[in-house]
Amino acid sequence: MAQLIHALLASAVHENKNLMQTVLAQIEQLTQDPRASDLQDELQVLRRQATRLVDSSLEVLAIYHAGLDADDFRLDYNTVPLEEWLLELQAEAQEIIGERPLQLEALMDSEVPLYWIFDASLLRLALRNGLHNAADFARSRIRLTLTLLEGRLCISIEDDGVHYGNTDRGPSRPAASGIGLLLADTLLRAHHDKESGRHGEIRLERAPELGGGAFRCLLP
């Protein structure tokens, strides 16, 4: 019975994803309609929200197919060329930013090797949580970086908005949450180096240079 319920839930999520993709296509058509010229800002907001719903559905399906328990999470390990992968992540970030006037840059530290082994497609899916969060809170800049930290590959999404754990007067920034953070946390913990015994992890910090939030994924 439990397997049947899980299958039905996965089917419902898949159907909702397809419906939202149809809605997205209709929103795109409306943005091209001259009669909607005065509604472009509102349509862009609808587009972003619909995109996030599609992403959330994909994340739920990814967890369902791979298994919720990090000990049983089935990863498709790849030897990933990091420069190419960073460019793909940058293109995905630009798509999420859309028409918002935000400067986007991608940097790879010279000490980072050319290749790293991890599940590239699922990690990009998990990082969308941090990309959406940065796009929502950034004032003018978003920076993607690949560095080495504590002997692990560190993928950072930084911005110049309000930082995580802000205690100053003014607006506060909630930590990324929901199914996206659950997926990212599960995925990172599933990456395990047997020799060192170290797992991947997520850190939500303050960006030292930009001053806003820093969503960091560390891979062993």
N, C-alpha and C. Protein backbone atom coordinates (compact mmCIF):
# COMPACT_ATOMS: atom_id res chain seq x y z
N MET A 1 0.82 -1.21 0.00
CA MET A 1 0.00 0.00 0.00
C MET A 1 0.86 1.26 0.00
N ALA A 2 1.95 1.24 0.81
CA ALA A 2 2.82 2.41 0.88
C ALA A 2 3.44 2.71 -0.48
N GLN A 3 3.86 1.65 -1.19
CA GLN A 3 4.45 1.85 -2.51
C GLN A 3 3.43 2.44 -3.48
N LEU A 4 2.17 1.99 -3.37
CA LEU A 4 1.11 2.51 -4.23
C LEU A 4 0.88 3.99 -3.97
N ILE A 5 0.85 4.37 -2.68
CA ILE A 5 0.65 5.78 -2.32
C ILE A 5 1.79 6.63 -2.86
N HIS A 6 3.03 6.15 -2.70
CA HIS A 6 4.19 6.89 -3.21
C HIS A 6 4.10 7.05 -4.72
N ALA A 7 3.70 5.98 -5.41
CA ALA A 7 3.59 6.05 -6.87
C ALA A 7 2.51 7.03 -7.30
N LEU A 8 1.39 7.04 -6.58
CA LEU A 8 0.30 7.98 -6.90
C LEU A 8 0.74 9.42 -6.67
N LEU A 9 1.46 9.66 -5.57
CA LEU A 9 1.95 11.01 -5.29
C LEU A 9 2.93 11.46 -6.37
N ALA A 10 3.82 10.57 -6.77
CA ALA A 10 4.78 10.92 -7.82
C ALA A 10 4.06 11.22 -9.12
N SER A 11 3.01 10.45 -9.42
CA SER A 11 2.24 10.68 -10.64
C SER A 11 1.54 12.04 -10.58
N ALA A 12 1.00 12.39 -9.41
CA ALA A 12 0.32 13.68 -9.26
C ALA A 12 1.30 14.83 -9.42
N VAL A 13 2.49 14.70 -8.84
CA VAL A 13 3.51 15.75 -8.98
C VAL A 13 3.91 15.90 -10.44
N HIS A 14 4.07 14.77 -11.12
CA HIS A 14 4.44 14.81 -12.54
C HIS A 14 3.37 15.51 -13.37
N GLU A 15 2.10 15.23 -13.07
CA GLU A 15 1.01 15.87 -13.79
C GLU A 15 0.98 17.37 -13.51
N ASN A 16 1.19 17.76 -12.25
CA ASN A 16 1.24 19.18 -11.92
C ASN A 16 2.38 19.89 -12.64
N LYS A 17 3.52 19.20 -12.74
CA LYS A 17 4.66 19.78 -13.46
C LYS A 17 4.28 20.05 -14.91
N ASN A 18 3.63 19.10 -15.55
CA ASN A 18 3.23 19.28 -16.95
C ASN A 18 2.24 20.43 -17.10
N LEU A 19 1.31 20.55 -16.15
CA LEU A 19 0.34 21.64 -16.21
C LEU A 19 1.04 23.00 -16.05
N MET A 20 1.99 23.08 -15.13
CA MET A 20 2.70 24.34 -14.92
C MET A 20 3.56 24.70 -16.12
N GLN A 21 4.11 23.70 -16.79
CA GLN A 21 4.88 23.99 -18.00
C GLN A 21 3.97 24.55 -19.09
N THR A 22 2.72 24.07 -19.14
CA THR A 22 1.75 24.63 -20.08
C THR A 22 1.44 26.08 -19.73
N VAL A 23 1.27 26.34 -18.43
CA VAL A 23 1.03 27.72 -17.98
C VAL A 23 2.21 28.61 -18.34
N LEU A 24 3.42 28.11 -18.16
CA LEU A 24 4.62 28.88 -18.51
C LEU A 24 4.62 29.25 -19.99
N ALA A 25 4.26 28.29 -20.83
CA ALA A 25 4.22 28.55 -22.27
C ALA A 25 3.19 29.63 -22.60
N GLN A 26 2.06 29.61 -21.90
CA GLN A 26 1.03 30.63 -22.13
C GLN A 26 1.48 32.00 -21.65
N ILE A 27 2.22 32.03 -20.54
CA ILE A 27 2.76 33.31 -20.06
C ILE A 27 3.74 33.88 -21.07
N GLU A 28 4.59 33.01 -21.65
CA GLU A 28 5.54 33.47 -22.66
C GLU A 28 4.82 34.06 -23.87
N GLN A 29 3.71 33.44 -24.26
CA GLN A 29 2.93 33.97 -25.38
C GLN A 29 2.34 35.34 -25.04
N LEU A 30 1.89 35.49 -23.79
CA LEU A 30 1.31 36.78 -23.38
C LEU A 30 2.36 37.90 -23.40
N THR A 31 3.60 37.56 -23.05
CA THR A 31 4.64 38.60 -23.04
C THR A 31 4.90 39.15 -24.44
N GLN A 32 4.55 38.37 -25.47
CA GLN A 32 4.75 38.82 -26.85
C GLN A 32 3.52 39.54 -27.42
N ASP A 33 2.44 39.56 -26.66
CA ASP A 33 1.20 40.17 -27.13
C ASP A 33 1.24 41.68 -26.88
N PRO A 34 1.09 42.50 -27.92
CA PRO A 34 1.12 43.97 -27.74
C PRO A 34 0.07 44.47 -26.76
N ARG A 35 -1.04 43.75 -26.63
CA ARG A 35 -2.09 44.18 -25.71
C ARG A 35 -1.67 44.05 -24.25
N ALA A 36 -0.59 43.30 -24.00
CA ALA A 36 -0.11 43.12 -22.62
C ALA A 36 1.13 43.95 -22.34
N SER A 37 1.36 44.98 -23.14
CA SER A 37 2.58 45.78 -23.00
C SER A 37 2.67 46.47 -21.65
N ASP A 38 1.52 46.78 -21.04
CA ASP A 38 1.52 47.45 -19.74
C ASP A 38 1.60 46.47 -18.57
N LEU A 39 1.66 45.18 -18.87
CA LEU A 39 1.65 44.17 -17.81
C LEU A 39 2.94 43.35 -17.78
N GLN A 40 4.00 43.87 -18.39
CA GLN A 40 5.23 43.08 -18.48
C GLN A 40 5.83 42.76 -17.12
N ASP A 41 5.82 43.71 -16.20
CA ASP A 41 6.38 43.45 -14.86
C ASP A 41 5.60 42.35 -14.15
N GLU A 42 4.27 42.43 -14.23
CA GLU A 42 3.44 41.41 -13.59
C GLU A 42 3.64 40.04 -14.24
N LEU A 43 3.79 40.03 -15.56
CA LEU A 43 3.99 38.76 -16.25
C LEU A 43 5.34 38.13 -15.89
N GLN A 44 6.35 38.96 -15.69
CA GLN A 44 7.66 38.43 -15.30
C GLN A 44 7.60 37.82 -13.91
N VAL A 45 6.82 38.43 -13.00
CA VAL A 45 6.65 37.85 -11.67
C VAL A 45 5.95 36.50 -11.77
N LEU A 46 4.89 36.44 -12.59
CA LEU A 46 4.19 35.17 -12.79
C LEU A 46 5.11 34.12 -13.39
N ARG A 47 5.94 34.54 -14.33
CA ARG A 47 6.88 33.61 -14.97
C ARG A 47 7.85 33.03 -13.95
N ARG A 48 8.39 33.89 -13.07
CA ARG A 48 9.34 33.41 -12.07
C ARG A 48 8.68 32.44 -11.10
N GLN A 49 7.46 32.77 -10.67
CA GLN A 49 6.78 31.90 -9.72
C GLN A 49 6.42 30.56 -10.34
N ALA A 50 5.96 30.59 -11.60
CA ALA A 50 5.63 29.34 -12.28
C ALA A 50 6.88 28.49 -12.49
N THR A 51 8.00 29.14 -12.80
CA THR A 51 9.25 28.41 -12.98
C THR A 51 9.67 27.73 -11.68
N ARG A 52 9.49 28.41 -10.57
CA ARG A 52 9.85 27.83 -9.28
C ARG A 52 8.97 26.63 -8.95
N LEU A 53 7.69 26.69 -9.33
CA LEU A 53 6.81 25.55 -9.10
C LEU A 53 7.25 24.34 -9.94
N VAL A 54 7.66 24.59 -11.18
CA VAL A 54 8.17 23.50 -12.02
C VAL A 54 9.44 22.93 -11.41
N ASP A 55 10.34 23.81 -10.96
CA ASP A 55 11.58 23.34 -10.35
C ASP A 55 11.30 22.50 -9.10
N SER A 56 10.35 22.95 -8.28
CA SER A 56 10.02 22.20 -7.07
C SER A 56 9.49 20.82 -7.41
N SER A 57 8.68 20.74 -8.47
CA SER A 57 8.17 19.44 -8.89
C SER A 57 9.30 18.53 -9.35
N LEU A 58 10.25 19.08 -10.09
CA LEU A 58 11.39 18.29 -10.54
C LEU A 58 12.22 17.81 -9.35
N GLU A 59 12.34 18.65 -8.33
CA GLU A 59 13.11 18.27 -7.15
C GLU A 59 12.42 17.14 -6.39
N VAL A 60 11.08 17.22 -6.27
CA VAL A 60 10.34 16.15 -5.60
C VAL A 60 10.52 14.84 -6.35
N LEU A 61 10.41 14.90 -7.68
CA LEU A 61 10.57 13.69 -8.48
C LEU A 61 11.98 13.13 -8.38
N ALA A 62 12.97 14.02 -8.30
CA ALA A 62 14.36 13.56 -8.17
C ALA A 62 14.55 12.81 -6.86
N ILE A 63 13.98 13.35 -5.77
CA ILE A 63 14.08 12.69 -4.48
C ILE A 63 13.35 11.35 -4.52
N TYR A 64 12.17 11.32 -5.14
CA TYR A 64 11.39 10.08 -5.21
C TYR A 64 12.16 8.99 -5.94
N HIS A 65 12.75 9.33 -7.09
CA HIS A 65 13.43 8.32 -7.90
C HIS A 65 14.77 7.90 -7.30
N ALA A 66 15.41 8.80 -6.56
CA ALA A 66 16.73 8.48 -6.01
C ALA A 66 16.67 7.93 -4.60
N GLY A 67 15.57 8.18 -3.88
CA GLY A 67 15.46 7.71 -2.50
C GLY A 67 15.71 8.85 -1.54
N LEU A 68 14.89 8.95 -0.49
CA LEU A 68 15.01 10.07 0.45
C LEU A 68 16.19 9.93 1.40
N ASP A 69 16.58 8.71 1.71
CA ASP A 69 17.64 8.49 2.69
C ASP A 69 19.00 8.69 2.03
N ALA A 70 19.82 9.55 2.60
CA ALA A 70 21.13 9.82 2.01
C ALA A 70 21.98 8.56 1.92
N ASP A 71 21.75 7.58 2.83
CA ASP A 71 22.53 6.35 2.79
C ASP A 71 22.19 5.50 1.57
N ASP A 72 20.97 5.67 1.05
CA ASP A 72 20.52 4.88 -0.10
C ASP A 72 20.39 5.72 -1.37
N PHE A 73 20.78 6.98 -1.31
CA PHE A 73 20.61 7.88 -2.44
C PHE A 73 21.48 7.41 -3.59
N ARG A 74 20.86 7.16 -4.74
CA ARG A 74 21.57 6.61 -5.89
C ARG A 74 22.08 7.75 -6.76
N LEU A 75 23.40 7.92 -6.79
CA LEU A 75 24.01 8.99 -7.56
C LEU A 75 24.61 8.45 -8.85
N ASP A 76 24.56 9.28 -9.87
CA ASP A 76 25.20 8.97 -11.15
C ASP A 76 26.49 9.78 -11.22
N TYR A 77 27.57 9.19 -10.72
CA TYR A 77 28.83 9.92 -10.65
C TYR A 77 29.40 10.15 -12.05
N ASN A 78 29.88 11.39 -12.28
CA ASN A 78 30.51 11.75 -13.54
C ASN A 78 31.85 12.41 -13.26
N THR A 79 32.78 12.25 -14.19
CA THR A 79 34.00 13.04 -14.16
C THR A 79 33.68 14.34 -14.89
N VAL A 80 33.52 15.42 -14.13
CA VAL A 80 32.94 16.65 -14.65
C VAL A 80 34.03 17.67 -14.99
N PRO A 81 34.06 18.16 -16.24
CA PRO A 81 34.96 19.28 -16.58
C PRO A 81 34.40 20.56 -15.97
N LEU A 82 35.09 21.10 -14.98
CA LEU A 82 34.51 22.15 -14.15
C LEU A 82 34.30 23.47 -14.88
N GLU A 83 35.18 23.82 -15.80
CA GLU A 83 35.00 25.08 -16.52
C GLU A 83 33.71 25.05 -17.34
N GLU A 84 33.45 23.96 -18.04
CA GLU A 84 32.23 23.84 -18.83
C GLU A 84 31.01 23.82 -17.91
N TRP A 85 31.11 23.09 -16.81
CA TRP A 85 29.98 22.98 -15.89
C TRP A 85 29.64 24.33 -15.28
N LEU A 86 30.65 25.14 -14.98
CA LEU A 86 30.41 26.47 -14.42
C LEU A 86 29.70 27.36 -15.44
N LEU A 87 30.07 27.25 -16.71
CA LEU A 87 29.40 28.02 -17.75
C LEU A 87 27.93 27.62 -17.87
N GLU A 88 27.65 26.33 -17.73
CA GLU A 88 26.26 25.87 -17.77
C GLU A 88 25.48 26.41 -16.58
N LEU A 89 26.11 26.42 -15.41
CA LEU A 89 25.46 26.96 -14.22
C LEU A 89 25.21 28.46 -14.38
N GLN A 90 26.15 29.16 -15.00
CA GLN A 90 25.98 30.59 -15.24
C GLN A 90 24.80 30.85 -16.18
N ALA A 91 24.67 30.03 -17.22
CA ALA A 91 23.55 30.19 -18.15
C ALA A 91 22.22 29.93 -17.45
N GLU A 92 22.21 28.95 -16.55
CA GLU A 92 21.00 28.66 -15.80
C GLU A 92 20.65 29.81 -14.86
N ALA A 93 21.67 30.39 -14.23
CA ALA A 93 21.44 31.54 -13.35
C ALA A 93 20.89 32.72 -14.14
N GLN A 94 21.41 32.95 -15.34
CA GLN A 94 20.94 34.06 -16.16
C GLN A 94 19.48 33.87 -16.54
N GLU A 95 19.10 32.62 -16.79
CA GLU A 95 17.70 32.33 -17.11
C GLU A 95 16.80 32.66 -15.93
N ILE A 96 17.25 32.34 -14.72
CA ILE A 96 16.45 32.63 -13.52
C ILE A 96 16.37 34.13 -13.28
N ILE A 97 17.47 34.84 -13.50
CA ILE A 97 17.48 36.30 -13.31
C ILE A 97 16.51 36.97 -14.27
N GLY A 98 16.47 36.49 -15.50
CA GLY A 98 15.55 37.05 -16.48
C GLY A 98 15.85 38.50 -16.79
N GLU A 99 14.82 39.34 -16.69
CA GLU A 99 14.95 40.75 -17.04
C GLU A 99 15.40 41.63 -15.88
N ARG A 100 15.61 41.05 -14.72
CA ARG A 100 16.03 41.86 -13.58
C ARG A 100 17.42 42.44 -13.81
N PRO A 101 17.64 43.70 -13.44
CA PRO A 101 18.93 44.37 -13.71
C PRO A 101 20.01 43.94 -12.72
N LEU A 102 20.44 42.70 -12.81
CA LEU A 102 21.45 42.17 -11.91
C LEU A 102 22.69 41.77 -12.70
N GLN A 103 23.85 42.16 -12.17
CA GLN A 103 25.12 41.77 -12.79
C GLN A 103 25.49 40.36 -12.31
N LEU A 104 25.81 39.48 -13.26
CA LEU A 104 26.16 38.10 -12.94
C LEU A 104 27.58 37.81 -13.40
N GLU A 105 28.38 37.23 -12.50
CA GLU A 105 29.73 36.83 -12.87
C GLU A 105 30.02 35.43 -12.35
N ALA A 106 30.92 34.73 -13.04
CA ALA A 106 31.30 33.37 -12.66
C ALA A 106 32.82 33.29 -12.63
N LEU A 107 33.37 32.83 -11.50
CA LEU A 107 34.82 32.79 -11.30
C LEU A 107 35.24 31.40 -10.83
N MET A 108 36.38 30.95 -11.35
CA MET A 108 36.95 29.67 -10.94
C MET A 108 38.38 29.91 -10.47
N ASP A 109 38.66 29.57 -9.22
CA ASP A 109 39.98 29.81 -8.65
C ASP A 109 41.03 28.97 -9.38
N SER A 110 42.23 29.53 -9.52
CA SER A 110 43.30 28.85 -10.26
C SER A 110 43.75 27.56 -9.59
N GLU A 111 43.50 27.40 -8.29
CA GLU A 111 43.91 26.19 -7.59
C GLU A 111 42.93 25.03 -7.79
N VAL A 112 41.75 25.32 -8.32
CA VAL A 112 40.76 24.27 -8.53
C VAL A 112 41.19 23.39 -9.70
N PRO A 113 41.17 22.07 -9.56
CA PRO A 113 41.54 21.19 -10.68
C PRO A 113 40.53 21.30 -11.81
N LEU A 114 40.92 20.81 -12.97
CA LEU A 114 40.05 20.91 -14.14
C LEU A 114 38.85 19.97 -14.06
N TYR A 115 38.98 18.90 -13.27
CA TYR A 115 37.90 17.90 -13.19
C TYR A 115 37.61 17.57 -11.73
N TRP A 116 36.33 17.21 -11.49
CA TRP A 116 35.92 16.71 -10.17
C TRP A 116 34.84 15.66 -10.40
N ILE A 117 34.72 14.72 -9.48
CA ILE A 117 33.77 13.63 -9.65
C ILE A 117 32.56 13.85 -8.75
N PHE A 118 31.38 14.00 -9.36
CA PHE A 118 30.13 14.14 -8.62
C PHE A 118 28.97 13.95 -9.59
N ASP A 119 27.75 13.95 -9.06
CA ASP A 119 26.55 13.84 -9.89
C ASP A 119 26.20 15.23 -10.40
N ALA A 120 26.59 15.52 -11.63
CA ALA A 120 26.49 16.89 -12.16
C ALA A 120 25.05 17.36 -12.33
N SER A 121 24.20 16.54 -12.90
CA SER A 121 22.84 16.98 -13.19
C SER A 121 22.02 17.21 -11.93
N LEU A 122 22.13 16.29 -10.96
CA LEU A 122 21.36 16.46 -9.72
C LEU A 122 21.90 17.62 -8.88
N LEU A 123 23.20 17.84 -8.93
CA LEU A 123 23.75 18.96 -8.15
C LEU A 123 23.27 20.29 -8.72
N ARG A 124 23.22 20.41 -10.04
CA ARG A 124 22.69 21.63 -10.65
C ARG A 124 21.24 21.85 -10.26
N LEU A 125 20.47 20.77 -10.20
CA LEU A 125 19.08 20.88 -9.79
C LEU A 125 18.99 21.38 -8.35
N ALA A 126 19.85 20.85 -7.48
CA ALA A 126 19.85 21.27 -6.08
C ALA A 126 20.27 22.73 -5.94
N LEU A 127 21.21 23.18 -6.77
CA LEU A 127 21.71 24.55 -6.67
C LEU A 127 20.68 25.59 -7.09
N ARG A 128 19.64 25.17 -7.79
CA ARG A 128 18.62 26.13 -8.21
C ARG A 128 17.96 26.80 -7.01
N ASN A 129 17.91 26.10 -5.88
CA ASN A 129 17.37 26.70 -4.66
C ASN A 129 18.17 27.94 -4.28
N GLY A 130 19.50 27.81 -4.32
CA GLY A 130 20.35 28.95 -4.00
C GLY A 130 20.31 30.03 -5.06
N LEU A 131 20.15 29.64 -6.33
CA LEU A 131 20.08 30.62 -7.41
C LEU A 131 18.81 31.47 -7.29
N HIS A 132 17.68 30.82 -7.03
CA HIS A 132 16.44 31.56 -6.86
C HIS A 132 16.53 32.50 -5.66
N ASN A 133 17.13 32.02 -4.57
CA ASN A 133 17.24 32.83 -3.37
C ASN A 133 18.10 34.06 -3.63
N ALA A 134 19.22 33.88 -4.33
CA ALA A 134 20.09 35.01 -4.64
C ALA A 134 19.39 36.01 -5.56
N ALA A 135 18.67 35.51 -6.56
CA ALA A 135 17.98 36.41 -7.49
C ALA A 135 16.90 37.21 -6.77
N ASP A 136 16.28 36.63 -5.75
CA ASP A 136 15.22 37.32 -5.02
C ASP A 136 15.77 38.41 -4.10
N PHE A 137 16.99 38.22 -3.56
CA PHE A 137 17.49 39.13 -2.53
C PHE A 137 18.62 40.04 -3.01
N ALA A 138 19.26 39.74 -4.13
CA ALA A 138 20.38 40.56 -4.59
C ALA A 138 19.91 41.97 -4.92
N ARG A 139 20.76 42.95 -4.59
CA ARG A 139 20.47 44.33 -4.96
C ARG A 139 20.94 44.62 -6.38
N SER A 140 22.17 44.16 -6.70
CA SER A 140 22.70 44.46 -8.03
C SER A 140 23.65 43.40 -8.57
N ARG A 141 24.19 42.51 -7.69
CA ARG A 141 25.23 41.59 -8.14
C ARG A 141 25.02 40.18 -7.60
N ILE A 142 25.34 39.20 -8.45
CA ILE A 142 25.39 37.79 -8.05
C ILE A 142 26.70 37.22 -8.57
N ARG A 143 27.36 36.44 -7.74
CA ARG A 143 28.65 35.86 -8.12
C ARG A 143 28.63 34.35 -7.88
N LEU A 144 29.02 33.60 -8.90
CA LEU A 144 29.19 32.15 -8.79
C LEU A 144 30.68 31.86 -8.74
N THR A 145 31.11 31.06 -7.77
CA THR A 145 32.54 30.78 -7.64
C THR A 145 32.79 29.29 -7.39
N LEU A 146 33.91 28.82 -7.92
CA LEU A 146 34.42 27.49 -7.62
C LEU A 146 35.77 27.68 -6.95
N THR A 147 35.90 27.18 -5.72
CA THR A 147 37.15 27.28 -4.98
C THR A 147 37.40 25.96 -4.26
N LEU A 148 38.56 25.85 -3.63
CA LEU A 148 38.85 24.73 -2.75
C LEU A 148 38.76 25.21 -1.31
N LEU A 149 38.05 24.45 -0.49
CA LEU A 149 37.88 24.81 0.92
C LEU A 149 37.97 23.53 1.75
N GLU A 150 38.93 23.50 2.64
CA GLU A 150 39.13 22.34 3.52
C GLU A 150 39.31 21.05 2.72
N GLY A 151 39.97 21.17 1.58
CA GLY A 151 40.23 20.01 0.75
C GLY A 151 39.04 19.54 -0.07
N ARG A 152 37.96 20.31 -0.08
CA ARG A 152 36.77 19.96 -0.84
C ARG A 152 36.47 21.03 -1.89
N LEU A 153 35.73 20.63 -2.92
CA LEU A 153 35.28 21.59 -3.91
C LEU A 153 34.14 22.41 -3.32
N CYS A 154 34.28 23.73 -3.36
CA CYS A 154 33.26 24.63 -2.80
C CYS A 154 32.60 25.40 -3.93
N ILE A 155 31.30 25.18 -4.11
CA ILE A 155 30.51 25.89 -5.12
C ILE A 155 29.69 26.93 -4.37
N SER A 156 29.94 28.21 -4.65
CA SER A 156 29.29 29.28 -3.90
C SER A 156 28.41 30.13 -4.81
N ILE A 157 27.25 30.50 -4.28
CA ILE A 157 26.36 31.47 -4.92
C ILE A 157 26.25 32.64 -3.95
N GLU A 158 26.85 33.77 -4.32
CA GLU A 158 26.91 34.93 -3.43
C GLU A 158 26.17 36.11 -4.04
N ASP A 159 25.68 37.00 -3.18
CA ASP A 159 24.99 38.19 -3.67
C ASP A 159 25.25 39.36 -2.73
N ASP A 160 24.76 40.54 -3.12
CA ASP A 160 24.99 41.75 -2.33
C ASP A 160 23.72 42.22 -1.62
N GLY A 161 22.82 41.28 -1.32
CA GLY A 161 21.61 41.63 -0.59
C GLY A 161 21.79 41.48 0.90
N VAL A 162 20.69 41.32 1.62
CA VAL A 162 20.74 41.07 3.06
C VAL A 162 21.31 39.68 3.28
N HIS A 163 22.23 39.54 4.24
CA HIS A 163 22.88 38.25 4.43
C HIS A 163 22.08 37.36 5.36
N TYR A 164 22.39 36.06 5.33
CA TYR A 164 21.75 35.11 6.23
C TYR A 164 22.11 35.44 7.67
N GLY A 165 21.14 35.31 8.56
CA GLY A 165 21.40 35.58 9.97
C GLY A 165 21.61 37.04 10.27
N ASN A 166 21.06 37.92 9.43
CA ASN A 166 21.23 39.36 9.63
C ASN A 166 20.62 39.79 10.97
N THR A 167 21.39 40.53 11.76
CA THR A 167 20.89 41.04 13.04
C THR A 167 20.81 42.56 13.05
N ASP A 168 21.15 43.19 11.91
CA ASP A 168 21.06 44.64 11.83
C ASP A 168 19.60 45.06 11.71
N ARG A 169 19.37 46.33 11.96
CA ARG A 169 18.02 46.85 11.75
C ARG A 169 17.71 46.84 10.26
N GLY A 170 16.46 46.62 9.93
CA GLY A 170 16.08 46.56 8.53
C GLY A 170 15.57 45.18 8.19
N PRO A 171 15.41 44.90 6.90
CA PRO A 171 14.84 43.62 6.48
C PRO A 171 15.74 42.45 6.84
N SER A 172 15.14 41.35 7.21
CA SER A 172 15.90 40.13 7.51
C SER A 172 15.75 39.16 6.35
N ARG A 173 16.68 38.23 6.27
CA ARG A 173 16.67 37.26 5.18
C ARG A 173 16.49 35.87 5.75
N PRO A 174 15.38 35.21 5.43
CA PRO A 174 15.19 33.85 5.92
C PRO A 174 16.12 32.90 5.21
N ALA A 175 16.51 31.84 5.88
CA ALA A 175 17.33 30.81 5.25
C ALA A 175 16.53 30.12 4.16
N ALA A 176 17.23 29.66 3.13
CA ALA A 176 16.56 28.88 2.10
C ALA A 176 15.90 27.68 2.77
N SER A 177 14.72 27.32 2.32
CA SER A 177 13.98 26.27 2.99
C SER A 177 13.18 25.48 1.99
N GLY A 178 12.40 24.54 2.50
CA GLY A 178 11.51 23.79 1.65
C GLY A 178 12.17 22.58 1.03
N ILE A 179 11.47 22.01 0.02
CA ILE A 179 11.94 20.78 -0.59
C ILE A 179 13.27 20.99 -1.30
N GLY A 180 13.53 22.21 -1.80
CA GLY A 180 14.79 22.47 -2.47
C GLY A 180 15.97 22.30 -1.55
N LEU A 181 15.86 22.82 -0.33
CA LEU A 181 16.95 22.68 0.64
C LEU A 181 17.07 21.24 1.11
N LEU A 182 15.95 20.54 1.25
CA LEU A 182 15.98 19.13 1.62
C LEU A 182 16.73 18.32 0.57
N LEU A 183 16.44 18.58 -0.70
CA LEU A 183 17.13 17.87 -1.77
C LEU A 183 18.62 18.18 -1.75
N ALA A 184 18.96 19.47 -1.64
CA ALA A 184 20.37 19.85 -1.65
C ALA A 184 21.11 19.21 -0.48
N ASP A 185 20.50 19.23 0.70
CA ASP A 185 21.14 18.65 1.87
C ASP A 185 21.32 17.14 1.70
N THR A 186 20.27 16.47 1.21
CA THR A 186 20.35 15.02 1.00
C THR A 186 21.40 14.67 -0.04
N LEU A 187 21.41 15.43 -1.13
CA LEU A 187 22.36 15.17 -2.21
C LEU A 187 23.79 15.37 -1.75
N LEU A 188 24.04 16.47 -1.04
CA LEU A 188 25.40 16.75 -0.60
C LEU A 188 25.89 15.70 0.39
N ARG A 189 25.03 15.29 1.32
CA ARG A 189 25.42 14.27 2.29
C ARG A 189 25.64 12.92 1.63
N ALA A 190 24.95 12.69 0.49
CA ALA A 190 25.11 11.41 -0.21
C ALA A 190 26.47 11.30 -0.88
N HIS A 191 27.09 12.43 -1.23
CA HIS A 191 28.44 12.40 -1.79
C HIS A 191 29.41 12.08 -0.65
N HIS A 192 30.05 10.93 -0.75
CA HIS A 192 30.85 10.41 0.36
C HIS A 192 32.19 9.92 -0.16
N ASP A 193 33.26 10.41 0.45
CA ASP A 193 34.61 9.94 0.14
C ASP A 193 34.97 8.85 1.14
N LYS A 194 35.05 7.61 0.67
CA LYS A 194 35.29 6.48 1.57
C LYS A 194 36.67 6.55 2.21
N GLU A 195 37.65 7.08 1.50
CA GLU A 195 39.01 7.13 2.07
C GLU A 195 39.09 8.07 3.26
N SER A 196 38.52 9.25 3.13
CA SER A 196 38.59 10.24 4.21
C SER A 196 37.41 10.14 5.17
N GLY A 197 36.32 9.49 4.71
CA GLY A 197 35.12 9.41 5.52
C GLY A 197 34.30 10.69 5.53
N ARG A 198 34.64 11.64 4.66
CA ARG A 198 33.96 12.93 4.66
C ARG A 198 32.77 12.93 3.72
N HIS A 199 31.74 13.67 4.11
CA HIS A 199 30.54 13.84 3.31
C HIS A 199 30.50 15.28 2.78
N GLY A 200 29.62 15.49 1.81
CA GLY A 200 29.35 16.85 1.37
C GLY A 200 28.45 17.55 2.38
N GLU A 201 28.36 18.87 2.25
CA GLU A 201 27.49 19.63 3.15
C GLU A 201 27.12 20.96 2.53
N ILE A 202 26.09 21.59 3.11
CA ILE A 202 25.64 22.92 2.71
C ILE A 202 25.94 23.89 3.83
N ARG A 203 26.38 25.10 3.47
CA ARG A 203 26.58 26.16 4.45
C ARG A 203 25.90 27.43 3.95
N LEU A 204 25.15 28.06 4.82
CA LEU A 204 24.53 29.35 4.54
C LEU A 204 25.27 30.40 5.35
N GLU A 205 25.99 31.28 4.67
CA GLU A 205 26.89 32.21 5.35
C GLU A 205 26.72 33.62 4.79
N ARG A 206 27.57 34.51 5.29
CA ARG A 206 27.63 35.87 4.77
C ARG A 206 28.75 35.95 3.74
N ALA A 207 28.45 36.53 2.57
CA ALA A 207 29.47 36.70 1.53
C ALA A 207 30.48 37.75 1.98
N PRO A 208 31.76 37.40 2.09
CA PRO A 208 32.74 38.34 2.66
C PRO A 208 32.95 39.60 1.83
N GLU A 209 32.90 39.49 0.50
CA GLU A 209 33.15 40.66 -0.36
C GLU A 209 31.87 41.39 -0.72
N LEU A 210 30.84 40.66 -1.14
CA LEU A 210 29.61 41.30 -1.58
C LEU A 210 28.72 41.70 -0.41
N GLY A 211 28.89 41.03 0.75
CA GLY A 211 28.16 41.43 1.94
C GLY A 211 26.79 40.82 2.11
N GLY A 212 26.31 40.09 1.10
CA GLY A 212 24.99 39.48 1.19
C GLY A 212 25.07 38.02 1.59
N GLY A 213 24.16 37.22 1.05
CA GLY A 213 24.12 35.80 1.38
C GLY A 213 25.11 35.00 0.56
N ALA A 214 25.58 33.90 1.14
CA ALA A 214 26.46 32.97 0.44
C ALA A 214 25.90 31.56 0.65
N PHE A 215 25.45 30.95 -0.43
CA PHE A 215 24.92 29.58 -0.42
C PHE A 215 26.05 28.69 -0.92
N ARG A 216 26.65 27.89 -0.02
CA ARG A 216 27.83 27.11 -0.37
C ARG A 216 27.54 25.61 -0.33
N CYS A 217 27.99 24.93 -1.37
CA CYS A 217 27.93 23.47 -1.43
C CYS A 217 29.35 22.93 -1.45
N LEU A 218 29.69 22.10 -0.48
CA LEU A 218 31.03 21.52 -0.39
C LEU A 218 30.97 20.05 -0.77
N LEU A 219 31.81 19.66 -1.73
CA LEU A 219 31.85 18.29 -2.22
C LEU A 219 33.19 17.64 -1.89
N PRO A 220 33.16 16.42 -1.32
CA PRO A 220 34.43 15.74 -1.02
C PRO A 220 35.10 15.23 -2.30
